[in-house]
N, C-alpha and C. Protein backbone atom coordinates (compact mmCIF):
# COMPACT_ATOMS: atom_id res chain seq x y z
N MET A 1 0.81 -1.19 -0.05
CA MET A 1 0.04 0.00 -0.02
C MET A 1 0.93 1.21 -0.01
N ALA A 2 0.68 2.05 -0.93
CA ALA A 2 1.37 3.34 -0.97
C ALA A 2 0.55 4.57 -0.44
N ALA A 3 1.17 5.55 0.07
CA ALA A 3 0.50 6.72 0.56
C ALA A 3 1.04 7.94 -0.13
N ARG A 4 0.17 8.91 -0.49
CA ARG A 4 0.54 10.10 -1.00
C ARG A 4 0.01 11.21 -0.23
N LEU A 5 0.85 12.24 0.14
CA LEU A 5 0.50 13.37 0.97
C LEU A 5 0.22 14.53 0.13
N ASN A 6 -0.84 15.20 0.24
CA ASN A 6 -1.16 16.28 -0.39
C ASN A 6 -1.21 17.45 0.57
N MET A 7 -0.20 18.19 0.69
CA MET A 7 -0.03 19.35 1.77
C MET A 7 -0.94 20.51 1.50
N GLU A 8 -1.46 20.77 0.30
CA GLU A 8 -2.42 21.84 0.04
C GLU A 8 -3.78 21.46 0.72
N GLU A 9 -4.24 20.21 0.68
CA GLU A 9 -5.49 19.85 1.11
C GLU A 9 -5.47 19.30 2.48
N ASN A 10 -4.24 19.05 3.04
CA ASN A 10 -4.12 18.54 4.36
C ASN A 10 -4.78 17.20 4.51
N SER A 11 -4.66 16.27 3.44
CA SER A 11 -5.20 15.09 3.41
C SER A 11 -4.27 13.99 2.93
N LEU A 12 -4.50 12.75 3.33
CA LEU A 12 -3.75 11.70 2.99
C LEU A 12 -4.40 10.68 2.00
N ALA A 13 -4.00 10.47 0.90
CA ALA A 13 -4.66 9.61 -0.10
C ALA A 13 -4.00 8.23 -0.07
N LEU A 14 -4.72 7.20 0.24
CA LEU A 14 -4.21 5.86 0.28
C LEU A 14 -4.57 5.22 -1.10
N ILE A 15 -3.59 4.70 -1.74
CA ILE A 15 -3.69 4.10 -3.03
C ILE A 15 -3.69 2.53 -2.77
N THR A 16 -4.74 1.78 -3.01
CA THR A 16 -4.74 0.43 -2.87
C THR A 16 -4.46 -0.34 -4.12
N SER A 17 -4.37 -1.57 -3.98
CA SER A 17 -4.02 -2.50 -5.31
C SER A 17 -5.08 -2.31 -6.25
N ASN A 18 -6.32 -2.21 -5.88
CA ASN A 18 -7.41 -2.24 -6.86
C ASN A 18 -7.80 -0.66 -7.30
N SER A 19 -6.83 0.18 -7.00
CA SER A 19 -6.86 1.62 -7.43
C SER A 19 -7.98 2.32 -6.81
N LEU A 20 -8.47 1.91 -5.71
CA LEU A 20 -9.34 2.70 -5.03
C LEU A 20 -8.71 3.70 -4.08
N THR A 21 -9.29 4.92 -4.06
CA THR A 21 -8.68 5.85 -3.26
C THR A 21 -9.54 6.40 -2.09
N GLN A 22 -9.00 6.46 -0.94
CA GLN A 22 -9.76 6.98 0.29
C GLN A 22 -8.99 8.26 0.77
N GLU A 23 -9.72 9.18 1.11
CA GLU A 23 -9.12 10.43 1.68
C GLU A 23 -9.22 10.30 3.16
N LEU A 24 -8.18 10.63 3.86
CA LEU A 24 -8.16 10.64 5.40
C LEU A 24 -7.62 12.02 5.68
N LYS A 25 -8.36 12.63 6.71
CA LYS A 25 -7.98 13.92 7.18
C LYS A 25 -6.76 13.66 8.09
N ILE A 26 -5.71 14.49 8.06
CA ILE A 26 -4.60 14.40 8.94
C ILE A 26 -4.90 15.27 10.12
N LEU A 27 -4.77 14.77 11.25
CA LEU A 27 -4.91 15.58 12.56
C LEU A 27 -3.46 16.14 12.89
N GLY A 28 -3.45 17.57 12.81
CA GLY A 28 -2.27 18.08 13.05
C GLY A 28 -2.04 18.50 14.50
N SER A 29 -1.17 19.36 14.73
CA SER A 29 -0.93 19.78 16.24
C SER A 29 -1.61 21.18 16.37
N GLN A 30 -2.27 21.75 15.45
CA GLN A 30 -2.96 22.89 15.63
C GLN A 30 -4.14 22.82 16.64
N GLU A 31 -4.00 23.63 17.64
CA GLU A 31 -5.18 23.58 18.66
C GLU A 31 -6.54 23.85 18.11
N VAL A 32 -7.54 23.22 18.64
CA VAL A 32 -8.97 23.43 18.34
C VAL A 32 -9.74 23.69 19.54
N ASP A 33 -10.92 24.43 19.45
CA ASP A 33 -11.78 24.82 20.44
C ASP A 33 -12.60 23.58 20.93
N LEU A 34 -12.77 23.31 22.12
CA LEU A 34 -13.52 22.30 22.67
C LEU A 34 -14.43 22.74 23.76
N SER A 35 -15.64 22.30 23.78
CA SER A 35 -16.58 22.57 24.94
C SER A 35 -17.00 21.28 25.46
N LEU A 36 -16.82 21.16 26.75
CA LEU A 36 -17.30 19.99 27.51
C LEU A 36 -18.18 20.50 28.70
N ASN A 37 -19.12 19.50 28.93
CA ASN A 37 -20.06 19.81 29.98
C ASN A 37 -19.80 18.60 31.04
N VAL A 38 -19.21 18.81 32.15
CA VAL A 38 -18.85 17.78 33.04
C VAL A 38 -19.59 17.98 34.36
N ASN A 39 -20.38 17.15 34.81
CA ASN A 39 -21.24 17.29 36.01
C ASN A 39 -21.98 18.61 36.14
N ASN A 40 -22.69 18.91 34.87
CA ASN A 40 -23.47 20.15 34.82
C ASN A 40 -22.65 21.45 34.84
N VAL A 41 -21.33 21.38 34.61
CA VAL A 41 -20.47 22.54 34.58
C VAL A 41 -19.90 22.54 33.12
N SER A 42 -20.09 23.74 32.54
CA SER A 42 -19.53 23.93 31.21
C SER A 42 -18.17 24.46 31.21
N TYR A 43 -17.30 23.80 30.29
CA TYR A 43 -15.87 24.07 30.25
C TYR A 43 -15.63 24.39 28.70
N SER A 44 -14.81 25.45 28.46
CA SER A 44 -14.37 25.71 27.18
C SER A 44 -12.72 25.66 27.17
N LEU A 45 -12.16 25.00 26.24
CA LEU A 45 -10.62 24.94 26.22
C LEU A 45 -10.26 24.68 24.79
N LYS A 46 -8.89 24.99 24.66
CA LYS A 46 -8.14 24.82 23.31
C LYS A 46 -7.25 23.64 23.61
N GLN A 47 -7.19 22.70 22.68
CA GLN A 47 -6.32 21.53 22.73
C GLN A 47 -5.88 21.04 21.41
N GLU A 48 -4.87 20.27 21.33
CA GLU A 48 -4.53 19.54 20.06
C GLU A 48 -5.52 18.34 19.81
N PRO A 49 -5.86 18.13 18.57
CA PRO A 49 -6.88 17.04 18.23
C PRO A 49 -6.32 15.68 18.72
N ARG A 50 -5.06 15.48 18.90
CA ARG A 50 -4.59 14.12 19.30
C ARG A 50 -4.64 13.93 20.84
N VAL A 51 -5.09 14.81 21.59
CA VAL A 51 -5.06 14.71 23.04
C VAL A 51 -6.33 13.85 23.50
N THR A 52 -6.25 12.92 24.28
CA THR A 52 -7.29 12.14 24.71
C THR A 52 -8.29 12.76 25.62
N LEU A 53 -9.47 12.33 25.75
CA LEU A 53 -10.30 12.99 26.69
C LEU A 53 -9.81 12.81 28.18
N LEU A 54 -9.22 11.74 28.52
CA LEU A 54 -8.68 11.42 29.80
C LEU A 54 -7.58 12.66 30.11
N ASP A 55 -6.75 12.92 29.21
CA ASP A 55 -5.79 13.96 29.43
C ASP A 55 -6.34 15.25 29.44
N ALA A 56 -7.37 15.60 28.67
CA ALA A 56 -8.10 16.86 28.78
C ALA A 56 -8.73 17.09 30.04
N LEU A 57 -9.30 16.07 30.60
CA LEU A 57 -9.95 16.09 31.89
C LEU A 57 -8.94 16.35 32.94
N ARG A 58 -7.93 15.62 33.08
CA ARG A 58 -6.93 15.63 34.17
C ARG A 58 -6.04 16.83 34.05
N GLU A 59 -5.47 17.03 32.84
CA GLU A 59 -4.40 18.10 32.78
C GLU A 59 -4.80 19.41 32.42
N LYS A 60 -5.90 19.51 31.49
CA LYS A 60 -6.30 20.80 31.08
C LYS A 60 -7.33 21.35 32.02
N LEU A 61 -8.31 20.52 32.69
CA LEU A 61 -9.36 21.04 33.49
C LEU A 61 -8.96 20.71 34.93
N GLY A 62 -8.06 19.94 35.31
CA GLY A 62 -7.64 19.59 36.68
C GLY A 62 -8.65 18.73 37.38
N LEU A 63 -9.50 17.96 36.70
CA LEU A 63 -10.34 16.97 37.22
C LEU A 63 -9.62 15.69 37.38
N LEU A 64 -9.27 15.44 38.55
CA LEU A 64 -8.42 14.21 38.79
C LEU A 64 -9.14 12.97 39.17
N GLY A 65 -10.52 13.05 39.18
CA GLY A 65 -11.29 11.75 39.61
C GLY A 65 -11.25 10.65 38.65
N THR A 66 -10.99 10.89 37.41
CA THR A 66 -10.73 9.90 36.38
C THR A 66 -9.34 9.59 36.45
N LYS A 67 -9.01 8.28 36.60
CA LYS A 67 -7.63 7.74 36.88
C LYS A 67 -6.93 7.28 35.57
N LYS A 68 -5.72 7.56 35.47
CA LYS A 68 -4.90 6.99 34.38
C LYS A 68 -4.08 5.82 34.82
N ALA A 69 -4.32 4.77 34.28
CA ALA A 69 -3.65 3.49 34.70
C ALA A 69 -2.86 2.77 33.53
N CYS A 70 -3.57 1.91 32.80
CA CYS A 70 -2.98 1.22 31.83
C CYS A 70 -2.69 2.05 30.53
N ASP A 71 -3.45 3.05 30.23
CA ASP A 71 -3.40 3.78 28.95
C ASP A 71 -3.70 2.96 27.74
N ARG A 72 -4.30 1.92 27.93
CA ARG A 72 -4.64 1.02 26.73
C ARG A 72 -6.19 0.62 26.73
N GLY A 73 -6.99 1.02 27.75
CA GLY A 73 -8.33 0.71 27.62
C GLY A 73 -8.64 -0.65 28.21
N GLU A 74 -7.78 -1.22 29.02
CA GLU A 74 -7.99 -2.67 29.46
C GLU A 74 -8.43 -2.67 30.84
N CYS A 75 -7.92 -1.78 31.69
CA CYS A 75 -8.19 -1.93 33.11
C CYS A 75 -9.47 -1.28 33.64
N GLY A 76 -10.06 -0.32 32.90
CA GLY A 76 -11.26 0.28 33.25
C GLY A 76 -11.13 1.43 34.24
N ALA A 77 -9.99 1.77 34.55
CA ALA A 77 -9.77 2.95 35.58
C ALA A 77 -10.16 4.32 35.02
N CYS A 78 -10.30 4.40 33.75
CA CYS A 78 -10.55 5.72 33.03
C CYS A 78 -12.01 5.82 32.59
N ILE A 79 -12.85 4.85 32.87
CA ILE A 79 -14.19 4.82 32.32
C ILE A 79 -15.00 6.14 32.80
N ILE A 80 -15.66 6.70 31.97
CA ILE A 80 -16.48 7.85 32.25
C ILE A 80 -17.93 7.63 31.49
N LEU A 81 -18.94 8.41 32.00
CA LEU A 81 -20.27 8.29 31.20
C LEU A 81 -20.19 9.53 30.23
N VAL A 82 -20.51 9.19 29.00
CA VAL A 82 -20.74 10.16 27.97
C VAL A 82 -22.15 9.98 27.38
N ASN A 83 -23.11 10.90 27.69
CA ASN A 83 -24.36 10.81 27.23
C ASN A 83 -24.99 9.38 27.66
N GLY A 84 -24.76 9.11 28.86
CA GLY A 84 -25.32 7.82 29.39
C GLY A 84 -24.59 6.53 29.03
N ARG A 85 -23.58 6.65 28.24
CA ARG A 85 -22.82 5.43 27.82
C ARG A 85 -21.49 5.50 28.41
N ARG A 86 -20.94 4.20 28.87
CA ARG A 86 -19.61 4.09 29.39
C ARG A 86 -18.53 4.08 28.22
N ILE A 87 -17.58 4.91 28.35
CA ILE A 87 -16.35 4.92 27.46
C ILE A 87 -15.15 4.85 28.23
N ASN A 88 -14.09 4.36 27.57
CA ASN A 88 -12.69 4.47 28.01
C ASN A 88 -12.06 5.78 27.55
N SER A 89 -11.92 6.71 28.44
CA SER A 89 -11.52 8.03 28.21
C SER A 89 -10.15 8.13 27.57
N CYS A 90 -9.43 7.07 28.03
CA CYS A 90 -7.87 6.94 27.59
C CYS A 90 -7.77 6.61 26.04
N MET A 91 -8.94 6.08 25.54
CA MET A 91 -8.99 5.54 24.16
C MET A 91 -9.82 6.54 23.28
N THR A 92 -10.21 7.56 23.83
CA THR A 92 -11.26 8.52 23.13
C THR A 92 -10.54 9.87 23.05
N LEU A 93 -10.52 10.42 21.72
CA LEU A 93 -9.95 11.79 21.56
C LEU A 93 -10.90 12.68 22.17
N GLY A 94 -10.38 13.79 22.72
CA GLY A 94 -11.31 14.83 23.27
C GLY A 94 -12.18 15.43 22.19
N THR A 95 -11.68 15.45 20.96
CA THR A 95 -12.37 16.05 19.82
C THR A 95 -13.49 15.18 19.13
N ASP A 96 -13.45 13.94 19.68
CA ASP A 96 -14.48 13.08 19.01
C ASP A 96 -15.91 13.61 19.34
N LYS A 97 -16.88 13.59 18.42
CA LYS A 97 -18.16 13.94 18.63
C LYS A 97 -18.90 12.82 19.09
N LYS A 98 -19.48 13.01 20.36
CA LYS A 98 -20.32 11.97 20.93
C LYS A 98 -21.59 12.46 21.22
């Protein structure tokens, strides 16, 4: 599989053996605006797209109740509720739309 980078469009085109092309957006290090509602308190912050929800909660907001343990989603220490569903915050990007 070959990859071609188009810097003008900020996308990566994957060329497969059957000549199908998929466009994937590249997540850069440019900070994005993020709004979170945690325990009925609204927070606004800027963070890089590659930062996990766990790191945003602990490092950016100072909310240390969610624990960082295995960092692989196996132990369950980082589980939080998002819209009534349990998720591993160490495996979810803060910019993911839920």
